[in-house]
C-alpha atoms as a PDB file:
ATOM      1  CA  MET A   1     132.195 127.472  82.063  1.00  0.00           C
ATOM      2  CA  THR A   2     131.089 129.053  78.766  1.00  0.00           C
ATOM      3  CA  ASP A   3     133.740 129.459  76.127  1.00  0.00           C
ATOM      4  CA  PRO A   4     134.342 133.194  75.532  1.00  0.00           C
ATOM      5  CA  LEU A   5     134.489 132.631  71.770  1.00  0.00           C
ATOM      6  CA  ASP A   6     131.002 131.012  71.879  1.00  0.00           C
ATOM      7  CA  GLU A   7     129.850 134.099  73.786  1.00  0.00           C
ATOM      8  CA  LEU A   8     131.281 136.440  71.219  1.00  0.00           C
ATOM      9  CA  ASP A   9     129.788 134.454  68.446  1.00  0.00           C
ATOM     10  CA  ALA A  10     126.341 134.719  70.154  1.00  0.00           C
ATOM     11  CA  ARG A  11     126.832 138.511  70.166  1.00  0.00           C
ATOM     12  CA  SER A  12     127.999 138.792  66.583  1.00  0.00           C
ATOM     13  CA  ASP A  13     125.387 141.442  65.948  1.00  0.00           C
ATOM     14  CA  VAL A  14     126.623 143.632  68.700  1.00  0.00           C
ATOM     15  CA  TRP A  15     130.180 143.083  67.484  1.00  0.00           C
ATOM     16  CA  GLU A  16     129.452 144.201  63.932  1.00  0.00           C
ATOM     17  CA  HIS A  17     127.557 147.249  65.333  1.00  0.00           C
ATOM     18  CA  LEU A  18     130.650 148.295  67.312  1.00  0.00           C
ATOM     19  CA  VAL A  19     132.855 147.808  64.247  1.00  0.00           C
ATOM     20  CA  ASP A  20     130.587 150.216  62.445  1.00  0.00           C
ATOM     21  CA  ALA A  21     130.481 152.567  65.297  1.00  0.00           C
ATOM     22  CA  THR A  22     134.236 152.735  65.248  1.00  0.00           C
ATOM     23  CA  ASN A  23     134.320 153.909  61.601  1.00  0.00           C
ATOM     24  CA  LYS A  24     131.613 156.536  62.213  1.00  0.00           C
ATOM     25  CA  THR A  25     133.709 157.940  65.017  1.00  0.00           C
ATOM     26  CA  VAL A  26     136.808 158.284  62.741  1.00  0.00           C
ATOM     27  CA  GLU A  27     135.585 158.716  59.274  1.00  0.00           C
ATOM     28  CA  THR A  28     138.884 159.484  57.733  1.00  0.00           C
ATOM     29  CA  ASP A  29     140.826 156.698  59.439  1.00  0.00           C
ATOM     30  CA  GLU A  30     138.631 153.627  59.038  1.00  0.00           C
ATOM     31  CA  ILE A  31     139.559 150.194  60.257  1.00  0.00           C
ATOM     32  CA  ASP A  32     138.733 147.194  57.986  1.00  0.00           C
ATOM     33  CA  PRO A  33     134.948 146.607  58.634  1.00  0.00           C
ATOM     34  CA  TRP A  34     135.034 143.139  57.047  1.00  0.00           C
ATOM     35  CA  CYS A  35     138.131 141.545  58.744  1.00  0.00           C
ATOM     36  CA  SER A  36     137.440 143.242  62.046  1.00  0.00           C
ATOM     37  CA  GLY A  37     134.131 141.486  62.429  1.00  0.00           C
ATOM     38  CA  PRO A  38     133.200 137.886  63.464  1.00  0.00           C
ATOM     39  CA  ASP A  39     133.027 136.438  59.981  1.00  0.00           C
ATOM     40  CA  TRP A  40     136.820 136.860  59.697  1.00  0.00           C
ATOM     41  CA  VAL A  41     138.170 136.822  63.215  1.00  0.00           C
ATOM     42  CA  LEU A  42     136.427 133.733  64.655  1.00  0.00           C
ATOM     43  CA  PRO A  43     137.353 131.365  61.782  1.00  0.00           C
ATOM     44  CA  VAL A  44     140.982 132.665  61.875  1.00  0.00           C
ATOM     45  CA  HIS A  45     141.228 132.112  65.433  1.00  0.00           C
ATOM     46  CA  GLN A  46     139.605 128.709  65.077  1.00  0.00           C
ATOM     47  CA  GLY A  47     142.117 127.656  62.446  1.00  0.00           C
ATOM     48  CA  PHE A  48     145.319 129.116  63.794  1.00  0.00           C
ATOM     49  CA  GLU A  49     145.395 130.108  67.366  1.00  0.00           C
ATOM     50  CA  THR A  50     144.469 127.079  69.371  1.00  0.00           C
ATOM     51  CA  GLY A  51     147.233 127.510  71.850  1.00  0.00           C
ATOM     52  CA  SER A  52     146.178 131.042  72.871  1.00  0.00           C
ATOM     53  CA  SER A  53     143.970 132.269  75.610  1.00  0.00           C
ATOM     54  CA  PRO A  54     141.125 134.686  74.473  1.00  0.00           C
ATOM     55  CA  LEU A  55     140.996 138.063  76.469  1.00  0.00           C
ATOM     56  CA  TRP A  56     137.725 139.825  75.809  1.00  0.00           C
ATOM     57  CA  ILE A  57     137.694 143.188  77.531  1.00  0.00           C
ATOM     58  CA  GLU A  58     134.437 145.118  77.539  1.00  0.00           C
ATOM     59  CA  SER A  59     134.269 148.892  78.369  1.00  0.00           C
ATOM     60  CA  GLY A  60     130.453 149.537  78.962  1.00  0.00           C
ATOM     61  CA  ASP A  61     128.963 151.344  76.012  1.00  0.00           C
ATOM     62  CA  ALA A  62     132.332 152.596  74.794  1.00  0.00           C
ATOM     63  CA  GLY A  63     133.319 149.360  73.088  1.00  0.00           C
ATOM     64  CA  TRP A  64     135.324 146.201  73.284  1.00  0.00           C
ATOM     65  CA  ALA A  65     138.957 145.042  72.969  1.00  0.00           C
ATOM     66  CA  LEU A  66     139.197 141.547  71.475  1.00  0.00           C
ATOM     67  CA  LEU A  67     142.506 140.203  72.384  1.00  0.00           C
ATOM     68  CA  ALA A  68     144.345 136.974  73.209  1.00  0.00           C
ATOM     69  CA  SER A  69     147.491 135.996  75.151  1.00  0.00           C
ATOM     70  CA  TYR A  70     150.050 133.983  73.283  1.00  0.00           C
ATOM     71  CA  PRO A  71     152.531 131.553  74.778  1.00  0.00           C
ATOM     72  CA  GLY A  72     156.092 132.758  74.929  1.00  0.00           C
ATOM     73  CA  PRO A  73     159.252 130.716  73.926  1.00  0.00           C
ATOM     74  CA  PRO A  74     160.069 127.356  75.642  1.00  0.00           C
ATOM     75  CA  ASP A  75     161.789 127.400  79.041  1.00  0.00           C
ATOM     76  CA  PRO A  76     165.561 127.378  78.088  1.00  0.00           C
ATOM     77  CA  VAL A  77     166.266 125.285  81.246  1.00  0.00           C
ATOM     78  CA  ASN A  78     163.412 122.815  80.649  1.00  0.00           C
ATOM     79  CA  PRO A  79     162.435 123.022  76.949  1.00  0.00           C
ATOM     80  CA  ALA A  80     160.016 120.084  77.270  1.00  0.00           C
ATOM     81  CA  SER A  81     157.904 121.823  79.848  1.00  0.00           C
ATOM     82  CA  ASP A  82     154.458 122.897  78.860  1.00  0.00           C
ATOM     83  CA  ALA A  83     154.657 125.838  81.335  1.00  0.00           C
ATOM     84  CA  ARG A  84     155.388 128.951  79.176  1.00  0.00           C
ATOM     85  CA  PRO A  85     154.744 132.557  80.179  1.00  0.00           C
ATOM     86  CA  ASP A  86     152.212 134.472  78.141  1.00  0.00           C
ATOM     87  CA  ALA A  87     154.722 136.894  76.816  1.00  0.00           C
ATOM     88  CA  LEU A  88     152.658 138.439  74.036  1.00  0.00           C
ATOM     89  CA  ILE A  89     149.156 139.969  73.915  1.00  0.00           C
ATOM     90  CA  SER A  90     147.614 140.791  70.498  1.00  0.00           C
ATOM     91  CA  GLY A  91     144.317 140.621  68.728  1.00  0.00           C
ATOM     92  CA  LEU A  92     142.283 137.526  68.304  1.00  0.00           C
ATOM     93  CA  GLU A  93     143.422 137.690  64.673  1.00  0.00           C
ATOM     94  CA  PRO A  94     147.227 138.063  64.708  1.00  0.00           C
ATOM     95  CA  MET A  95     147.891 135.881  61.714  1.00  0.00           C
ATOM     96  CA  TRP A  96     147.788 138.633  59.175  1.00  0.00           C
ATOM     97  CA  GLY A  97     146.815 141.731  61.191  1.00  0.00           C
ATOM     98  CA  PHE A  98     143.858 142.769  59.104  1.00  0.00           C
ATOM     99  CA  ALA A  99     141.538 143.102  62.091  1.00  0.00           C
ATOM    100  CA  CYS A 100     141.608 145.967  64.548  1.00  0.00           C
ATOM    101  CA  PRO A 101     140.999 144.568  68.062  1.00  0.00           C
ATOM    102  CA  VAL A 102     139.716 147.934  69.566  1.00  0.00           C
ATOM    103  CA  ILE A 103     136.170 148.625  68.438  1.00  0.00           C
ATOM    104  CA  GLY A 104     133.472 150.864  69.618  1.00  0.00           C
ATOM    105  CA  PRO A 105     132.249 154.534  69.549  1.00  0.00           C
ATOM    106  CA  ASP A 106     134.669 155.641  72.290  1.00  0.00           C
ATOM    107  CA  PRO A 107     138.075 154.166  71.584  1.00  0.00           C
ATOM    108  CA  ALA A 108     139.826 156.333  74.090  1.00  0.00           C
ATOM    109  CA  ALA A 109     137.579 154.894  76.951  1.00  0.00           C
ATOM    110  CA  VAL A 110     138.376 151.329  75.615  1.00  0.00           C
ATOM    111  CA  GLY A 111     142.017 152.297  75.809  1.00  0.00           C
ATOM    112  CA  ARG A 112     141.723 153.362  79.441  1.00  0.00           C
ATOM    113  CA  THR A 113     140.004 150.147  80.418  1.00  0.00           C
ATOM    114  CA  LEU A 114     142.770 148.305  78.586  1.00  0.00           C
ATOM    115  CA  CYS A 115     145.457 150.139  80.486  1.00  0.00           C
ATOM    116  CA  GLU A 116     143.726 149.268  83.757  1.00  0.00           C
ATOM    117  CA  ARG A 117     143.267 145.678  82.986  1.00  0.00           C
ATOM    118  CA  LEU A 118     146.596 144.951  81.425  1.00  0.00           C
ATOM    119  CA  GLY A 119     148.435 146.951  84.009  1.00  0.00           C
ATOM    120  CA  ALA A 120     147.230 144.578  86.599  1.00  0.00           C
ATOM    121  CA  THR A 121     148.126 141.514  84.434  1.00  0.00           C
ATOM    122  CA  PRO A 122     151.717 140.455  85.220  1.00  0.00           C
ATOM    123  CA  GLU A 123     152.517 137.837  82.600  1.00  0.00           C
ATOM    124  CA  TRP A 124     153.148 139.838  79.443  1.00  0.00           C
ATOM    125  CA  ASP A 125     156.087 141.540  77.917  1.00  0.00           C
ATOM    126  CA  GLN A 126     154.633 143.171  74.714  1.00  0.00           C
ATOM    127  CA  ILE A 127     151.238 144.101  73.403  1.00  0.00           C
ATOM    128  CA  ILE A 128     150.704 144.244  69.518  1.00  0.00           C
ATOM    129  CA  LEU A 129     147.577 145.940  68.305  1.00  0.00           C
ATOM    130  CA  PRO A 130     147.139 145.812  64.431  1.00  0.00           C
ATOM    131  CA  GLY A 131     144.682 147.114  61.952  1.00  0.00           C
ATOM    132  CA  PHE A 132     144.529 150.816  62.602  1.00  0.00           C
ATOM    133  CA  GLY A 133     143.943 153.239  59.762  1.00  0.00           C
ATOM    134  CA  GLU A 134     146.929 154.781  57.952  1.00  0.00           C
ATOM    135  CA  ASP A 135     145.939 158.312  59.034  1.00  0.00           C
ATOM    136  CA  GLY A 136     147.012 157.472  62.715  1.00  0.00           C
ATOM    137  CA  THR A 137     144.203 159.283  64.345  1.00  0.00           C
ATOM    138  CA  LEU A 138     142.674 156.141  65.960  1.00  0.00           C
ATOM    139  CA  ALA A 139     146.002 154.602  66.743  1.00  0.00           C
ATOM    140  CA  ARG A 140     147.268 157.809  68.590  1.00  0.00           C
ATOM    141  CA  THR A 141     143.820 158.124  70.357  1.00  0.00           C
ATOM    142  CA  VAL A 142     144.213 154.531  71.849  1.00  0.00           C
ATOM    143  CA  GLY A 143     148.060 154.779  72.150  1.00  0.00           C
ATOM    144  CA  ARG A 144     147.801 157.831  74.510  1.00  0.00           C
ATOM    145  CA  GLU A 145     145.729 155.919  76.881  1.00  0.00           C
ATOM    146  CA  LEU A 146     148.315 153.046  76.973  1.00  0.00           C
ATOM    147  CA  LEU A 147     151.283 155.159  78.005  1.00  0.00           C
ATOM    148  CA  GLY A 148     151.023 153.975  81.573  1.00  0.00           C
ATOM    149  CA  LEU A 149     151.891 150.402  80.468  1.00  0.00           C
ATOM    150  CA  GLY A 150     155.333 151.253  78.980  1.00  0.00           C
ATOM    151  CA  ARG A 151     156.859 152.438  75.771  1.00  0.00           C
ATOM    152  CA  VAL A 152     154.236 152.912  72.961  1.00  0.00           C
ATOM    153  CA  GLY A 153     155.186 153.025  69.345  1.00  0.00           C
ATOM    154  CA  LEU A 154     153.781 152.683  65.871  1.00  0.00           C
ATOM    155  CA  ALA A 155     154.773 150.259  62.997  1.00  0.00           C
ATOM    156  CA  HIS A 156     153.721 149.728  59.468  1.00  0.00           C
ATOM    157  CA  GLY A 157     151.119 146.919  59.161  1.00  0.00           C
ATOM    158  CA  ILE A 158     149.371 145.178  56.379  1.00  0.00           C
ATOM    159  CA  VAL A 159     148.554 146.918  53.026  1.00  0.00           C
ATOM    160  CA  ARG A 160     145.269 145.920  51.117  1.00  0.00           C
ATOM    161  CA  GLN A 161     144.294 146.755  47.578  1.00  0.00           C
ATOM    162  CA  LEU A 162     140.855 148.300  46.985  1.00  0.00           C
ATOM    163  CA  ALA A 163     138.841 148.541  43.820  1.00  0.00           C
ATOM    164  CA  TYR A 164     135.983 151.053  43.783  1.00  0.00           C
ATOM    165  CA  LEU A 165     132.700 149.916  42.121  1.00  0.00           C
ATOM    166  CA  ASP A 166     130.410 152.808  43.354  1.00  0.00           C
ATOM    167  CA  GLU A 167     130.113 154.177  39.753  1.00  0.00           C
ATOM    168  CA  GLY A 168     129.426 150.785  38.297  1.00  0.00           C
ATOM    169  CA  PHE A 169     131.335 148.075  36.417  1.00  0.00           C
ATOM    170  CA  ASP A 170     131.777 150.217  33.154  1.00  0.00           C
ATOM    171  CA  ALA A 171     133.547 153.036  35.064  1.00  0.00           C
ATOM    172  CA  TRP A 172     135.826 150.565  36.845  1.00  0.00           C
ATOM    173  CA  TRP A 173     136.546 148.777  33.559  1.00  0.00           C
ATOM    174  CA  GLN A 174     137.595 152.044  31.878  1.00  0.00           C
ATOM    175  CA  ARG A 175     140.081 152.821  34.572  1.00  0.00           C
ATOM    176  CA  ARG A 176     141.915 149.570  34.011  1.00  0.00           C
ATOM    177  CA  PRO A 177     145.107 149.605  31.833  1.00  0.00           C
ATOM    178  CA  ALA A 178     144.467 149.101  28.099  1.00  0.00           C
ATOM    179  CA  LYS A 179     146.733 146.093  28.002  1.00  0.00           C
ATOM    180  CA  LEU A 180     144.783 144.357  30.736  1.00  0.00           C
ATOM    181  CA  ARG A 181     141.452 145.109  29.086  1.00  0.00           C
ATOM    182  CA  ARG A 182     142.794 143.686  25.785  1.00  0.00           C
ATOM    183  CA  ASN A 183     144.199 140.616  27.435  1.00  0.00           C
ATOM    184  CA  LEU A 184     140.959 139.815  29.283  1.00  0.00           C
ATOM    185  CA  ARG A 185     138.820 140.188  26.092  1.00  0.00           C
ATOM    186  CA  ASN A 186     141.102 137.737  24.192  1.00  0.00           C
ATOM    187  CA  ALA A 187     141.262 135.399  27.205  1.00  0.00           C
ATOM    188  CA  ARG A 188     137.495 135.274  27.349  1.00  0.00           C
ATOM    189  CA  ARG A 189     137.245 134.532  23.645  1.00  0.00           C
ATOM    190  CA  ARG A 190     139.819 131.657  23.997  1.00  0.00           C
ATOM    191  CA  ALA A 191     137.988 130.190  26.985  1.00  0.00           C
ATOM    192  CA  GLU A 192     134.678 130.262  25.325  1.00  0.00           C
ATOM    193  CA  GLU A 193     136.194 128.377  22.187  1.00  0.00           C
ATOM    194  CA  ALA A 194     137.706 125.829  24.542  1.00  0.00           C
ATOM    195  CA  GLY A 195     134.311 125.180  26.199  1.00  0.00           C
ATOM    196  CA  LEU A 196     135.037 126.742  29.573  1.00  0.00           C
ATOM    197  CA  GLN A 197     131.969 127.775  31.637  1.00  0.00           C
ATOM    198  CA  ILE A 198     131.754 129.764  34.826  1.00  0.00           C
ATOM    199  CA  ILE A 199     128.925 128.584  37.065  1.00  0.00           C
ATOM    200  CA  GLU A 200     127.439 129.454  40.462  1.00  0.00           C
ATOM    201  CA  PRO A 201     127.678 126.316  42.678  1.00  0.00           C
ATOM    202  CA  ASP A 202     125.437 125.187  45.448  1.00  0.00           C
ATOM    203  CA  LEU A 203     126.501 127.116  48.512  1.00  0.00           C
ATOM    204  CA  ASP A 204     126.191 124.212  50.936  1.00  0.00           C
ATOM    205  CA  GLU A 205     128.508 121.857  52.724  1.00  0.00           C
ATOM    206  CA  THR A 206     129.792 120.286  49.484  1.00  0.00           C
ATOM    207  CA  LEU A 207     131.265 123.653  48.297  1.00  0.00           C
ATOM    208  CA  PHE A 208     134.480 123.458  50.389  1.00  0.00           C
ATOM    209  CA  ASP A 209     135.229 119.977  49.381  1.00  0.00           C
ATOM    210  CA  ARG A 210     134.719 120.895  45.646  1.00  0.00           C
ATOM    211  CA  ILE A 211     137.177 123.812  45.851  1.00  0.00           C
ATOM    212  CA  LEU A 212     139.593 121.886  47.900  1.00  0.00           C
ATOM    213  CA  ALA A 213     139.737 119.182  45.092  1.00  0.00           C
ATOM    214  CA  ILE A 214     140.568 122.112  42.702  1.00  0.00           C
ATOM    215  CA  GLU A 215     143.176 123.406  44.967  1.00  0.00           C
ATOM    216  CA  HIS A 216     144.997 120.054  45.266  1.00  0.00           C
ATOM    217  CA  ARG A 217     145.490 120.251  41.417  1.00  0.00           C
ATOM    218  CA  SER A 218     146.821 123.797  41.528  1.00  0.00           C
ATOM    219  CA  TRP A 219     150.329 125.097  41.991  1.00  0.00           C
ATOM    220  CA  LYS A 220     149.413 126.293  45.355  1.00  0.00           C
ATOM    221  CA  GLY A 221     148.245 122.762  46.342  1.00  0.00           C
ATOM    222  CA  GLN A 222     151.386 121.189  44.962  1.00  0.00           C
ATOM    223  CA  GLU A 223     153.430 123.669  47.045  1.00  0.00           C
ATOM    224  CA  GLU A 224     151.162 123.468  49.977  1.00  0.00           C
ATOM    225  CA  SER A 225     150.810 127.218  49.976  1.00  0.00           C
ATOM    226  CA  GLY A 226     147.110 127.407  49.556  1.00  0.00           C
ATOM    227  CA  ILE A 227     144.000 126.054  51.473  1.00  0.00           C
ATOM    228  CA  THR A 228     145.259 122.484  51.652  1.00  0.00           C
ATOM    229  CA  SER A 229     147.143 122.709  54.889  1.00  0.00           C
ATOM    230  CA  PRO A 230     145.254 121.555  58.075  1.00  0.00           C
ATOM    231  CA  GLU A 231     145.113 125.071  59.540  1.00  0.00           C
ATOM    232  CA  MET A 232     144.039 126.750  56.296  1.00  0.00           C
ATOM    233  CA  SER A 233     141.523 124.045  55.597  1.00  0.00           C
ATOM    234  CA  GLU A 234     139.934 124.525  59.006  1.00  0.00           C
ATOM    235  CA  PHE A 235     139.913 128.223  58.702  1.00  0.00           C
ATOM    236  CA  TYR A 236     138.309 128.248  55.320  1.00  0.00           C
ATOM    237  CA  ARG A 237     135.743 125.578  55.945  1.00  0.00           C
ATOM    238  CA  ALA A 238     134.603 127.400  59.051  1.00  0.00           C
ATOM    239  CA  MET A 239     134.387 130.704  57.300  1.00  0.00           C
ATOM    240  CA  LEU A 240     132.659 129.591  54.155  1.00  0.00           C
ATOM    241  CA  LYS A 241     129.996 127.675  56.389  1.00  0.00           C
ATOM    242  CA  ARG A 242     129.500 130.910  58.357  1.00  0.00           C
ATOM    243  CA  LEU A 243     129.163 133.047  55.363  1.00  0.00           C
ATOM    244  CA  ALA A 244     126.699 130.743  53.580  1.00  0.00           C
ATOM    245  CA  ALA A 245     124.459 130.561  56.606  1.00  0.00           C
ATOM    246  CA  ALA A 246     124.328 134.358  56.846  1.00  0.00           C
ATOM    247  CA  GLY A 247     123.636 134.596  53.056  1.00  0.00           C
ATOM    248  CA  ARG A 248     126.935 136.524  52.536  1.00  0.00           C
ATOM    249  CA  LEU A 249     128.919 134.019  50.504  1.00  0.00           C
ATOM    250  CA  ARG A 250     129.668 134.651  46.798  1.00  0.00           C
ATOM    251  CA  ALA A 251     131.347 131.849  44.766  1.00  0.00           C
ATOM    252  CA  PHE A 252     131.960 130.786  41.198  1.00  0.00           C
ATOM    253  CA  ILE A 253     133.637 127.762  39.698  1.00  0.00           C
ATOM    254  CA  ALA A 254     135.197 127.369  36.223  1.00  0.00           C
ATOM    255  CA  THR A 255     134.511 124.069  34.677  1.00  0.00           C
ATOM    256  CA  PHE A 256     134.268 122.177  31.413  1.00  0.00           C
ATOM    257  CA  ASP A 257     131.227 120.194  32.634  1.00  0.00           C
ATOM    258  CA  PRO A 258     128.935 121.563  35.253  1.00  0.00           C
ATOM    259  CA  SER A 259     127.637 118.125  35.947  1.00  0.00           C
ATOM    260  CA  ASP A 260     131.143 116.580  36.699  1.00  0.00           C
ATOM    261  CA  PRO A 261     133.190 118.026  39.488  1.00  0.00           C
ATOM    262  CA  SER A 262     136.283 116.405  38.056  1.00  0.00           C
ATOM    263  CA  ALA A 263     136.012 118.702  35.120  1.00  0.00           C
ATOM    264  CA  ASP A 264     136.368 121.814  37.517  1.00  0.00           C
ATOM    265  CA  VAL A 265     139.526 123.886  36.721  1.00  0.00           C
ATOM    266  CA  GLY A 266     139.183 126.979  38.995  1.00  0.00           C
ATOM    267  CA  PHE A 267     137.262 128.742  41.714  1.00  0.00           C
ATOM    268  CA  ILE A 268     136.726 132.184  43.387  1.00  0.00           C
ATOM    269  CA  VAL A 269     135.157 132.670  46.723  1.00  0.00           C
ATOM    270  CA  GLY A 270     134.427 135.852  48.762  1.00  0.00           C
ATOM    271  CA  GLY A 271     132.064 137.490  51.123  1.00  0.00           C
ATOM    272  CA  ILE A 272     129.801 140.499  51.303  1.00  0.00           C
ATOM    273  CA  ARG A 273     129.363 142.797  54.298  1.00  0.00           C
ATOM    274  CA  GLY A 274     127.307 145.860  53.799  1.00  0.00           C
ATOM    275  CA  ASN A 275     128.579 147.711  50.684  1.00  0.00           C
ATOM    276  CA  ARG A 276     131.995 145.832  50.668  1.00  0.00           C
ATOM    277  CA  TYR A 277     132.995 142.536  48.969  1.00  0.00           C
ATOM    278  CA  ARG A 278     136.005 140.853  50.393  1.00  0.00           C
ATOM    279  CA  GLY A 279     137.950 138.447  48.006  1.00  0.00           C
ATOM    280  CA  LEU A 280     139.066 135.437  50.011  1.00  0.00           C
ATOM    281  CA  GLN A 281     140.540 132.824  47.745  1.00  0.00           C
ATOM    282  CA  LEU A 282     141.202 132.270  44.049  1.00  0.00           C
ATOM    283  CA  SER A 283     142.794 129.258  42.441  1.00  0.00           C
ATOM    284  CA  PHE A 284     143.063 127.220  39.183  1.00  0.00           C
ATOM    285  CA  THR A 285     144.425 123.895  38.074  1.00  0.00           C
ATOM    286  CA  GLU A 286     147.788 123.473  36.371  1.00  0.00           C
ATOM    287  CA  ASN A 287     146.158 121.937  33.282  1.00  0.00           C
ATOM    288  CA  ALA A 288     144.114 125.073  32.613  1.00  0.00           C
ATOM    289  CA  ALA A 289     146.803 127.746  33.183  1.00  0.00           C
ATOM    290  CA  SER A 290     146.933 128.659  29.565  1.00  0.00           C
ATOM    291  CA  LEU A 291     143.267 129.836  29.650  1.00  0.00           C
ATOM    292  CA  SER A 292     143.780 132.597  32.243  1.00  0.00           C
ATOM    293  CA  VAL A 293     141.180 131.069  34.468  1.00  0.00           C
ATOM    294  CA  SER A 294     141.930 133.165  37.537  1.00  0.00           C
ATOM    295  CA  HIS A 295     141.680 136.404  35.571  1.00  0.00           C
ATOM    296  CA  LEU A 296     138.402 135.424  34.025  1.00  0.00           C
ATOM    297  CA  LEU A 297     136.941 134.457  37.439  1.00  0.00           C
ATOM    298  CA  GLN A 298     138.056 137.759  38.886  1.00  0.00           C
ATOM    299  CA  LEU A 299     136.406 139.480  36.028  1.00  0.00           C
ATOM    300  CA  HIS A 300     133.254 137.474  36.320  1.00  0.00           C
ATOM    301  CA  GLN A 301     132.952 138.068  40.062  1.00  0.00           C
ATOM    302  CA  ILE A 302     133.414 141.897  39.661  1.00  0.00           C
ATOM    303  CA  GLU A 303     130.699 141.889  36.779  1.00  0.00           C
ATOM    304  CA  SER A 304     128.136 139.957  38.888  1.00  0.00           C
ATOM    305  CA  LEU A 305     128.352 141.996  42.093  1.00  0.00           C
ATOM    306  CA  ASP A 306     125.202 143.752  43.171  1.00  0.00           C
ATOM    307  CA  GLN A 307     124.894 147.419  42.790  1.00  0.00           C
ATOM    308  CA  ARG A 308     125.070 147.797  46.477  1.00  0.00           C
ATOM    309  CA  VAL A 309     128.646 146.687  46.590  1.00  0.00           C
ATOM    310  CA  GLN A 310     130.824 149.745  46.307  1.00  0.00           C
ATOM    311  CA  ILE A 311     134.232 148.402  47.344  1.00  0.00           C
ATOM    312  CA  TYR A 312     135.951 145.239  46.257  1.00  0.00           C
ATOM    313  CA  ASP A 313     138.738 144.484  48.811  1.00  0.00           C
ATOM    314  CA  LEU A 314     141.231 142.261  46.974  1.00  0.00           C
ATOM    315  CA  GLY A 315     143.034 141.539  50.304  1.00  0.00           C
ATOM    316  CA  MET A 316     146.806 141.650  50.918  1.00  0.00           C
ATOM    317  CA  ASP A 317     148.815 143.816  48.559  1.00  0.00           C
ATOM    318  CA  MET A 318     150.432 141.739  45.611  1.00  0.00           C
ATOM    319  CA  ASP A 319     151.763 143.013  42.278  1.00  0.00           C
ATOM    320  CA  TYR A 320     149.109 141.497  40.120  1.00  0.00           C
ATOM    321  CA  LYS A 321     146.233 142.930  42.294  1.00  0.00           C
ATOM    322  CA  GLN A 322     147.425 146.511  41.581  1.00  0.00           C
ATOM    323  CA  ARG A 323     146.183 146.297  38.014  1.00  0.00           C
ATOM    324  CA  TRP A 324     142.599 145.438  39.270  1.00  0.00           C
ATOM    325  CA  ALA A 325     142.633 147.976  42.221  1.00  0.00           C
ATOM    326  CA  ASP A 326     142.299 151.795  42.390  1.00  0.00           C
ATOM    327  CA  GLU A 327     144.025 152.282  45.744  1.00  0.00           C
ATOM    328  CA  ALA A 328     146.355 150.839  48.187  1.00  0.00           C
ATOM    329  CA  ASP A 329     145.084 150.943  51.883  1.00  0.00           C
ATOM    330  CA  ALA A 330     147.839 150.720  54.425  1.00  0.00           C
ATOM    331  CA  THR A 331     147.456 150.076  58.135  1.00  0.00           C
ATOM    332  CA  LEU A 332     149.415 150.878  61.328  1.00  0.00           C
ATOM    333  CA  VAL A 333     150.152 148.689  64.344  1.00  0.00           C
ATOM    334  CA  LEU A 334     150.480 149.848  67.967  1.00  0.00           C
ATOM    335  CA  VAL A 335     153.305 148.231  69.823  1.00  0.00           C
ATOM    336  CA  ILE A 336     153.620 148.562  73.536  1.00  0.00           C
ATOM    337  CA  ASP A 337     156.672 147.255  75.352  1.00  0.00           C
ATOM    338  CA  ARG A 338     156.237 146.835  79.087  1.00  0.00           C
ATOM    339  CA  GLY A 339     157.965 149.300  81.300  1.00  0.00           C
ATOM    340  CA  LEU A 340     161.085 148.239  83.287  1.00  0.00           C
ATOM    341  CA  GLY A 341     159.334 148.635  86.536  1.00  0.00           C
ATOM    342  CA  ARG A 342     157.027 145.660  86.087  1.00  0.00           C
END
């Protein structure tokens, strides 16, 4: 039997068309077009959700719902048993909740199909649908169609930081705090005096191993909070390979010797979809911390982006990103608790 994820991968063009159609339908309440697509969702699922069961629901020309059922807690009577109820249904990417699992030009019709299909599915207690725009229009449109399943509510979801590059680098630069601009100019001068170079590496199968070697020498690697864990490594290796094959990968490496990978001290990687660049990972080695390597890589990436890139999505909200961004973009989560009459 064909793996549903392989089928989805084979229909990536349709998937991306449905994502774009969703945002055309609700222009003021957009879903994340980068993370709701296959370049993000499939690698995340591959890296983190091996114990789940994909649930791909098509609703004709109206759109898709890309879900999965996730095992519930162990049986308290027999904890060693592998038999666990699928107590939760969520998107294929529930790790962070950037992706909206309901996509297409007619989200209400997709919601009706969801209600029909999941109403006839006995083994779930809760549905979590993340990634809806903060305005709430799309979430309410879908939520109304799911009232027949139980109690429907809204919760706050992930917040992203966005920088706008539609007026060019100089306009973005002038909007940055004066202290940040001054610090970056000074950091660039110190780095040049130290012999630091920022290069564009080969975007082939050697890239991930090269950035992984940098990560092992970073504070993230030492704390195992970066891409060195087995799950994160699988996720990033799969995603970078996918982006490189599609010509969407953007990467730079900071080094003291372009011909010697052991002289690498930092990297930045991201991907482009349409007019949007999505930052994916940024790291630097401990021995180069005084050179502000991560800030210089971030600045270099922004300077180098093509004119067609209008939005730099810095990803999950963190304090340091706010100095680089122009707006925080919040999301909502639909939560459906099954009715008592199940």
